[in-house]
Amino acid sequence: MSYYPARAVVDHAAIRANVERLRAVAGRAEVMAVVKADAYGHGLLPVARTALAAGATWLGVAQLGEALGLRAAGVTEPLLTWIYAPGAPLTDAVAAGIDVSAAAPWALEELAAAAVRAGRPARVHLKADTGMGRGGARPEAWDGLVDHAARLAAEGTLDVVGVWSHLARGDEPEASTTAEQVAAFRAALAVVSRAGLHPAVRHLAASSGTLFHPETHFDLVRPGIALYGLSPAPDVASPVDLGLRAAMRLEADVILTKDVPVGTRVGYGHTYATPEAGRLALLPLGYGDGIPRHAGSTGPVQLAGRRARIAGRVSMDQIVVDLGPGADVAPGDVAVLFGDARDGVPTAEDWAAAAGTIGYEIVTRLGTRVPRTHVSQEVTP
């Protein structure tokens, strides 16, 4: 698609600044830039290259397909992936030198078989469930998993490169859960050491751990949302407080304006009526682009130097903004739905509050038909 009257402008200068900030916070720990979900909607390959150029030494993606895509594009740096099912193309992953998480015996066996086919050991990160209750091996299964991995490592089919886990309440700095998980992680590491395994990297912290819990840093931190300039806990600290810059600015061209009297009903279901005479502006974005439908009559927009809100329901392809009286707005003017708070525009967190969700969802749900315009790149996209 060569033309679209809206765009997500991705500022790579902001991404570089965020990586530098996170490196400073991480101290001696290395930084894994988590670029899963198409780099949280910002663009997988361009963001990966910028993050590495800015000093990240690892990349992380959830899906195996994303990892294979990065390798196919020529990215050679250490790369971890962690979501796959039995029968996944693990031979391709092992052959490409991709690190793979394992939390169950079946995964170890499939990785070992893939290593034999690929003719090289599988690089594995053992994942412990330290209290998240999601991925990872529970404590009662951990010893068996580690012993299994040690046997395969002795056979030469596995190289246990890392041990890792994930925080459940890292975005709540006062919660006791994080200290409990750190203790559980240390206990899991002790089991690994007793089994004669010596992983190069131990990692527990994502964005919230990196920013709020220095005791979780270990050898490597895995910031995701903070890389893109959003706070993992906006009720605790804003991106500005944390020294982060929002990397995405969602813009739309005004395609129609109309002056209407007081009481004009707008949109499906007539859920909104203008409280006074004024000007409406039509924008070419809707829930088909990832704009939350449940942000109707609440989602903020900046246009012509004034803050306004969506009028009525979000349609599949369009939203209406009520600018009120005296608005000097015409077709072709540019509206900003969200961007960096320093620019005085709405933020992804503002949209999250309007939609009853989190900033992560606002940026990652942005549809693929909205073009990404990459600016301030220093590396080839």
Protein backbone atom coordinates (compact mmCIF):
# COMPACT_ATOMS: atom_id res chain seq x y z
CA MET A 1 0.00 0.00 0.00
CA SER A 2 1.70 3.19 -1.19
CA TYR A 3 -0.76 5.78 0.15
CA TYR A 4 -2.51 6.08 3.48
CA PRO A 5 -3.77 9.31 5.04
CA ALA A 6 -2.34 8.42 8.45
CA ARG A 7 1.02 7.26 9.72
CA ALA A 8 2.97 6.13 12.74
CA VAL A 9 6.19 8.10 12.87
CA VAL A 10 8.88 6.07 14.65
CA ASP A 11 11.71 8.22 15.98
CA HIS A 12 14.94 6.25 16.17
CA ALA A 13 16.68 9.05 18.05
CA ALA A 14 14.23 8.35 20.87
CA ILE A 15 14.96 4.61 20.73
CA ARG A 16 18.70 5.29 20.91
CA ALA A 17 18.20 7.61 23.87
CA ASN A 18 16.06 5.02 25.64
CA VAL A 19 18.64 2.28 25.11
CA GLU A 20 21.34 4.56 26.50
CA ARG A 21 19.17 5.39 29.51
CA LEU A 22 18.43 1.71 30.18
CA ARG A 23 22.10 0.80 29.84
CA ALA A 24 22.92 3.39 32.48
CA VAL A 25 20.23 2.06 34.83
CA ALA A 26 21.30 -1.54 34.26
CA GLY A 27 24.81 -0.92 35.55
CA ARG A 28 27.04 -3.91 34.87
CA ALA A 29 24.24 -6.00 33.36
CA GLU A 30 23.99 -6.33 29.61
CA VAL A 31 20.85 -5.15 27.84
CA MET A 32 18.62 -7.41 25.77
CA ALA A 33 16.35 -5.27 23.61
CA VAL A 34 13.01 -7.05 23.48
CA VAL A 35 11.60 -6.52 20.00
CA LYS A 36 8.74 -9.02 20.08
CA ALA A 37 5.37 -8.29 18.46
CA ASP A 38 7.02 -6.40 15.60
CA ALA A 39 8.97 -4.34 18.14
CA TYR A 40 5.76 -3.50 20.01
CA GLY A 41 4.31 -2.25 16.75
CA HIS A 42 7.28 -0.05 15.89
CA GLY A 43 8.92 -2.27 13.23
CA LEU A 44 10.99 -5.36 14.04
CA LEU A 45 14.08 -5.04 11.86
CA PRO A 46 14.60 -1.25 11.94
CA VAL A 47 14.21 -1.14 15.72
CA ALA A 48 16.45 -4.18 16.25
CA ARG A 49 19.23 -2.58 14.26
CA THR A 50 18.92 0.74 16.05
CA ALA A 51 18.86 -0.89 19.48
CA LEU A 52 22.02 -2.86 18.71
CA ALA A 53 23.76 0.22 17.32
CA ALA A 54 22.85 2.05 20.54
CA GLY A 55 24.55 -0.54 22.73
CA ALA A 56 22.13 -3.40 23.34
CA THR A 57 24.07 -6.65 23.09
CA TRP A 58 21.16 -9.08 22.85
CA LEU A 59 17.78 -9.22 21.17
CA GLY A 60 14.69 -11.02 22.43
CA VAL A 61 11.52 -12.06 20.63
CA ALA A 62 8.63 -14.19 21.81
CA GLN A 63 7.87 -16.02 18.57
CA LEU A 64 10.31 -18.33 16.83
CA GLY A 65 9.24 -16.96 13.44
CA GLU A 66 10.40 -13.48 14.41
CA ALA A 67 13.78 -14.84 15.44
CA LEU A 68 14.21 -16.68 12.15
CA GLY A 69 13.21 -13.51 10.30
CA LEU A 70 15.92 -11.51 12.06
CA ARG A 71 18.54 -14.09 11.20
CA ALA A 72 17.38 -14.16 7.57
CA ALA A 73 17.79 -10.37 7.48
CA GLY A 74 21.42 -10.71 8.52
CA VAL A 75 21.20 -9.99 12.25
CA THR A 76 23.95 -12.07 13.87
CA GLU A 77 23.96 -10.84 17.50
CA PRO A 78 22.79 -13.08 20.39
CA LEU A 79 19.06 -13.66 20.04
CA LEU A 80 16.62 -15.41 22.38
CA THR A 81 13.15 -16.73 21.58
CA TRP A 82 10.74 -18.48 23.94
CA ILE A 83 7.34 -19.36 22.45
CA TYR A 84 6.94 -22.51 20.35
CA ALA A 85 4.98 -25.76 20.39
CA PRO A 86 5.95 -29.38 19.80
CA GLY A 87 6.92 -29.86 16.17
CA ALA A 88 8.30 -26.33 15.76
CA PRO A 89 11.17 -25.86 13.25
CA LEU A 90 13.81 -26.06 15.95
CA THR A 91 16.41 -27.45 13.56
CA ASP A 92 16.28 -24.16 11.68
CA ALA A 93 16.64 -22.26 14.95
CA VAL A 94 19.62 -24.30 16.12
CA ALA A 95 21.30 -24.06 12.72
CA ALA A 96 20.84 -20.28 12.82
CA GLY A 97 22.44 -20.01 16.26
CA ILE A 98 19.24 -18.79 17.91
CA ASP A 99 19.00 -19.23 21.68
CA VAL A 100 15.82 -21.06 22.68
CA SER A 101 14.06 -21.21 26.04
CA ALA A 102 13.11 -24.57 27.53
CA ALA A 103 10.86 -25.26 30.49
CA ALA A 104 9.80 -28.89 29.99
CA PRO A 105 11.43 -32.24 29.14
CA TRP A 106 9.72 -32.44 25.74
CA ALA A 107 11.36 -29.15 24.75
CA LEU A 108 14.80 -30.38 25.78
CA GLU A 109 14.33 -33.59 23.81
CA GLU A 110 13.20 -31.75 20.68
CA LEU A 111 16.09 -29.30 20.98
CA ALA A 112 18.56 -32.17 21.38
CA ALA A 113 17.15 -33.90 18.30
CA ALA A 114 17.35 -30.62 16.40
CA ALA A 115 20.97 -30.26 17.46
CA VAL A 116 21.81 -33.66 16.01
CA ARG A 117 20.18 -32.71 12.72
CA ALA A 118 21.83 -29.29 12.64
CA GLY A 119 25.24 -30.66 13.56
CA ARG A 120 25.77 -28.21 16.42
CA PRO A 121 24.65 -27.92 20.06
CA ALA A 122 21.40 -26.15 20.81
CA ARG A 123 21.83 -22.95 22.81
CA VAL A 124 19.29 -23.20 25.62
CA HIS A 125 18.00 -20.92 28.39
CA LEU A 126 16.27 -22.91 31.13
CA LYS A 127 13.21 -21.08 32.44
CA ALA A 128 12.10 -21.35 36.05
CA ASP A 129 8.64 -20.47 37.33
CA THR A 130 9.54 -18.37 40.37
CA GLY A 131 6.00 -17.25 41.09
CA MET A 132 4.47 -15.97 37.86
CA GLY A 133 2.48 -19.17 37.32
CA ARG A 134 2.79 -18.82 33.54
CA GLY A 135 5.88 -20.07 31.67
CA GLY A 136 8.76 -21.91 33.30
CA ALA A 137 9.16 -25.09 35.32
CA ARG A 138 7.68 -25.10 38.81
CA PRO A 139 10.03 -25.76 41.76
CA GLU A 140 8.93 -29.39 42.11
CA ALA A 141 9.85 -30.00 38.45
CA TRP A 142 12.98 -27.86 38.35
CA ASP A 143 15.52 -30.38 39.64
CA GLY A 144 14.39 -32.92 37.06
CA LEU A 145 14.55 -30.39 34.24
CA VAL A 146 18.03 -29.28 35.23
CA ASP A 147 19.30 -32.86 35.54
CA HIS A 148 17.82 -33.66 32.13
CA ALA A 149 19.56 -30.64 30.62
CA ALA A 150 22.85 -31.59 32.29
CA ARG A 151 22.73 -35.09 30.76
CA LEU A 152 22.10 -33.68 27.31
CA ALA A 153 24.85 -31.11 27.80
CA ALA A 154 27.26 -33.93 28.72
CA GLU A 155 26.27 -35.67 25.47
CA GLY A 156 27.12 -32.51 23.54
CA THR A 157 23.65 -31.77 22.17
CA LEU A 158 22.84 -28.87 24.51
CA ASP A 159 24.71 -25.80 25.68
CA VAL A 160 22.93 -24.26 28.67
CA VAL A 161 23.67 -20.62 27.93
CA GLY A 162 21.19 -19.04 30.33
CA VAL A 163 18.74 -19.40 33.19
CA TRP A 164 15.83 -17.02 33.43
CA SER A 165 12.46 -16.18 34.90
CA HIS A 166 9.88 -13.39 34.86
CA LEU A 167 8.52 -11.03 37.52
CA ALA A 168 4.80 -11.02 38.21
CA ARG A 169 4.52 -7.71 40.07
CA GLY A 170 7.64 -5.81 39.13
CA ASP A 171 5.51 -2.79 38.29
CA GLU A 172 4.52 -2.56 41.98
CA PRO A 173 7.73 -1.44 43.70
CA GLU A 174 6.33 -1.95 47.18
CA ALA A 175 5.03 -5.48 46.63
CA SER A 176 6.84 -8.21 48.55
CA THR A 177 6.38 -10.62 45.63
CA THR A 178 9.52 -9.44 43.85
CA ALA A 179 11.76 -10.20 46.82
CA GLU A 180 10.16 -13.63 47.05
CA GLN A 181 10.80 -14.24 43.36
CA VAL A 182 14.43 -13.13 43.66
CA ALA A 183 14.89 -15.67 46.46
CA ALA A 184 13.20 -18.38 44.37
CA PHE A 185 15.41 -17.51 41.40
CA ARG A 186 18.55 -17.75 43.49
CA ALA A 187 17.40 -21.15 44.72
CA ALA A 188 16.87 -22.25 41.12
CA LEU A 189 20.36 -21.04 40.23
CA ALA A 190 21.81 -23.07 43.09
CA VAL A 191 20.28 -26.22 41.62
CA VAL A 192 21.87 -25.41 38.26
CA SER A 193 25.25 -24.90 39.87
CA ARG A 194 25.04 -28.21 41.78
CA ALA A 195 24.31 -29.95 38.49
CA GLY A 196 27.62 -28.71 37.13
CA LEU A 197 26.13 -26.23 34.69
CA HIS A 198 27.60 -22.74 34.34
CA PRO A 199 25.26 -20.51 32.29
CA ALA A 200 26.79 -17.33 30.92
CA VAL A 201 23.71 -15.20 31.59
CA ARG A 202 21.17 -15.17 34.41
CA HIS A 203 18.23 -12.86 33.76
CA LEU A 204 15.07 -11.94 35.61
CA ALA A 205 14.32 -8.25 34.95
CA ALA A 206 12.13 -6.88 32.18
CA SER A 207 11.36 -3.13 32.01
CA SER A 208 9.94 -2.83 35.52
CA GLY A 209 12.75 -4.85 37.08
CA THR A 210 15.33 -2.83 35.20
CA LEU A 211 13.89 0.50 36.34
CA PHE A 212 12.59 -0.24 39.84
CA HIS A 213 14.43 -3.31 41.20
CA PRO A 214 18.24 -3.24 40.85
CA GLU A 215 18.48 -6.49 42.82
CA THR A 216 16.91 -8.27 39.81
CA HIS A 217 19.53 -7.20 37.26
CA PHE A 218 21.92 -10.19 37.49
CA ASP A 219 23.89 -10.55 34.20
CA LEU A 220 21.30 -9.33 31.74
CA VAL A 221 18.13 -7.23 31.70
CA ARG A 222 15.33 -7.52 29.14
CA PRO A 223 13.58 -4.14 28.71
CA GLY A 224 10.64 -4.15 26.34
CA ILE A 225 8.11 -1.34 26.73
CA ALA A 226 10.70 1.06 28.18
CA LEU A 227 12.73 0.72 24.99
CA TYR A 228 9.87 2.49 23.21
CA GLY A 229 9.57 5.26 25.77
CA LEU A 230 6.55 4.07 27.74
CA SER A 231 6.51 3.51 31.46
CA PRO A 232 5.88 -0.04 32.71
CA ALA A 233 4.11 1.53 35.69
CA PRO A 234 2.69 4.95 34.76
CA ASP A 235 0.93 5.23 38.11
CA VAL A 236 4.35 4.97 39.78
CA ALA A 237 6.48 7.06 37.41
CA SER A 238 5.80 8.68 34.05
CA PRO A 239 8.12 8.22 31.07
CA VAL A 240 9.42 11.75 31.66
CA ASP A 241 10.14 10.88 35.31
CA LEU A 242 12.06 7.83 34.12
CA GLY A 243 14.05 9.72 31.49
CA LEU A 244 12.36 7.97 28.57
CA ARG A 245 11.14 9.37 25.24
CA ALA A 246 8.12 8.00 23.39
CA ALA A 247 9.30 6.67 20.04
CA MET A 248 5.95 6.52 18.22
CA ARG A 249 3.80 9.43 17.10
CA LEU A 250 0.46 8.48 15.54
CA GLU A 251 -0.77 11.10 13.07
CA ALA A 252 -3.79 11.35 10.76
CA ASP A 253 -4.72 13.83 8.04
CA VAL A 254 -8.06 15.58 8.40
CA ILE A 255 -10.22 14.44 5.48
CA LEU A 256 -13.39 16.46 6.12
CA THR A 257 -14.63 19.28 8.36
CA LYS A 258 -18.15 20.54 8.94
CA ASP A 259 -19.73 23.22 11.06
CA VAL A 260 -22.71 21.93 13.01
CA PRO A 261 -25.28 23.33 15.42
CA VAL A 262 -25.66 22.46 19.06
CA GLY A 263 -27.23 19.04 19.63
CA THR A 264 -25.89 17.44 16.44
CA ARG A 265 -25.80 13.68 16.93
CA VAL A 266 -22.66 11.90 15.77
CA GLY A 267 -21.83 8.35 14.75
CA TYR A 268 -23.39 4.94 15.13
CA GLY A 269 -26.03 4.74 17.79
CA HIS A 270 -26.09 8.51 18.25
CA THR A 271 -24.17 8.09 21.50
CA TYR A 272 -22.82 11.64 21.28
CA ALA A 273 -24.44 15.03 20.72
CA THR A 274 -22.48 18.26 20.36
CA PRO A 275 -22.84 20.34 23.54
CA GLU A 276 -22.52 23.57 21.55
CA ALA A 277 -22.25 24.75 17.97
CA GLY A 278 -18.84 24.16 16.49
CA ARG A 279 -16.68 22.29 14.02
CA LEU A 280 -16.30 18.53 13.57
CA ALA A 281 -13.25 16.97 11.95
CA LEU A 282 -13.19 13.53 10.35
CA LEU A 283 -10.02 11.44 10.70
CA PRO A 284 -9.20 8.29 8.65
CA LEU A 285 -8.42 5.91 11.50
CA GLY A 286 -10.66 3.41 13.25
CA TYR A 287 -10.76 0.08 15.00
CA GLY A 288 -9.61 -1.54 11.75
CA ASP A 289 -6.35 0.28 12.40
CA GLY A 290 -6.20 -0.71 16.06
CA ILE A 291 -7.90 2.34 17.57
CA PRO A 292 -9.77 0.94 20.60
CA ARG A 293 -13.51 0.91 19.94
CA HIS A 294 -14.15 1.29 23.65
CA ALA A 295 -12.34 4.66 23.59
CA GLY A 296 -15.37 6.24 21.94
CA SER A 297 -16.10 9.75 23.28
CA THR A 298 -12.97 9.56 25.44
CA GLY A 299 -9.91 9.09 23.21
CA PRO A 300 -7.84 12.31 23.09
CA VAL A 301 -6.62 14.06 19.93
CA GLN A 302 -4.43 17.14 19.41
CA LEU A 303 -5.42 19.31 16.46
CA ALA A 304 -4.67 22.94 15.62
CA GLY A 305 -3.03 23.47 18.97
CA ARG A 306 -6.04 22.32 20.98
CA ARG A 307 -6.86 19.12 22.81
CA ALA A 308 -10.12 17.46 21.81
CA ARG A 309 -11.78 14.08 22.15
CA ILE A 310 -13.43 11.58 19.87
CA ALA A 311 -17.10 12.35 19.36
CA GLY A 312 -19.21 9.19 19.57
CA ARG A 313 -18.22 5.68 18.61
CA VAL A 314 -15.05 4.59 16.87
CA SER A 315 -15.94 3.21 13.44
CA MET A 316 -13.88 0.65 11.56
CA ASP A 317 -12.10 3.23 9.41
CA GLN A 318 -13.00 6.65 10.81
CA ILE A 319 -13.37 8.75 13.93
CA VAL A 320 -14.98 12.14 14.42
CA VAL A 321 -13.43 14.80 16.64
CA ASP A 322 -15.49 17.61 18.14
CA LEU A 323 -13.33 20.75 18.09
CA GLY A 324 -15.99 23.04 19.48
CA PRO A 325 -16.42 26.65 18.35
CA GLY A 326 -13.76 28.78 16.68
CA ALA A 327 -11.53 25.96 15.43
CA ASP A 328 -9.44 26.95 12.42
CA VAL A 329 -9.09 23.44 11.01
CA ALA A 330 -9.35 22.33 7.38
CA PRO A 331 -8.84 19.13 5.36
CA GLY A 332 -5.17 18.30 5.11
CA ASP A 333 -4.33 19.51 8.60
CA VAL A 334 -2.56 16.91 10.75
CA ALA A 335 -4.03 15.52 13.97
CA VAL A 336 -1.91 13.73 16.57
CA LEU A 337 -3.52 10.91 18.50
CA PHE A 338 -0.49 10.15 20.64
CA GLY A 339 3.20 10.88 20.88
CA ASP A 340 5.79 12.12 23.35
CA ALA A 341 4.56 14.06 26.38
CA ARG A 342 7.34 16.60 25.95
CA ASP A 343 5.68 17.74 22.72
CA GLY A 344 2.47 18.61 24.55
CA VAL A 345 0.44 15.96 22.72
CA PRO A 346 -1.65 13.07 24.09
CA THR A 347 0.34 9.97 25.00
CA ALA A 348 -0.20 6.25 24.65
CA GLU A 349 -0.81 6.25 28.41
CA ASP A 350 -3.58 8.83 27.91
CA TRP A 351 -5.20 6.50 25.39
CA ALA A 352 -4.73 3.57 27.74
CA ALA A 353 -6.55 5.48 30.47
CA ALA A 354 -9.35 6.35 28.05
CA ALA A 355 -9.72 2.73 26.94
CA GLY A 356 -9.24 1.08 30.32
CA THR A 357 -6.07 -0.76 29.28
CA ILE A 358 -2.29 -0.29 29.31
CA GLY A 359 0.06 1.61 27.04
CA TYR A 360 1.58 -1.67 25.82
CA GLU A 361 -1.69 -2.57 24.12
CA ILE A 362 -2.16 0.84 22.52
CA VAL A 363 1.10 0.70 20.56
CA THR A 364 1.17 -3.04 19.81
CA ARG A 365 -2.41 -3.18 18.53
CA LEU A 366 -1.82 -0.53 15.87
CA GLY A 367 -2.74 -2.21 12.59
CA THR A 368 -0.38 -3.12 9.79
CA ARG A 369 -2.22 -1.00 7.24
CA VAL A 370 -0.98 2.12 9.07
CA PRO A 371 2.43 2.85 7.51
CA ARG A 372 5.43 3.20 9.78
CA THR A 373 7.60 6.16 8.86
CA HIS A 374 11.07 5.76 10.34
CA VAL A 375 13.02 8.93 11.09
CA SER A 376 16.46 9.69 12.54
CA GLN A 377 17.88 6.35 11.54
CA GLU A 378 21.63 5.94 11.47
CA VAL A 379 21.55 2.43 10.06
CA THR A 380 20.05 0.98 6.90
CA PRO A 381 16.37 0.02 7.49
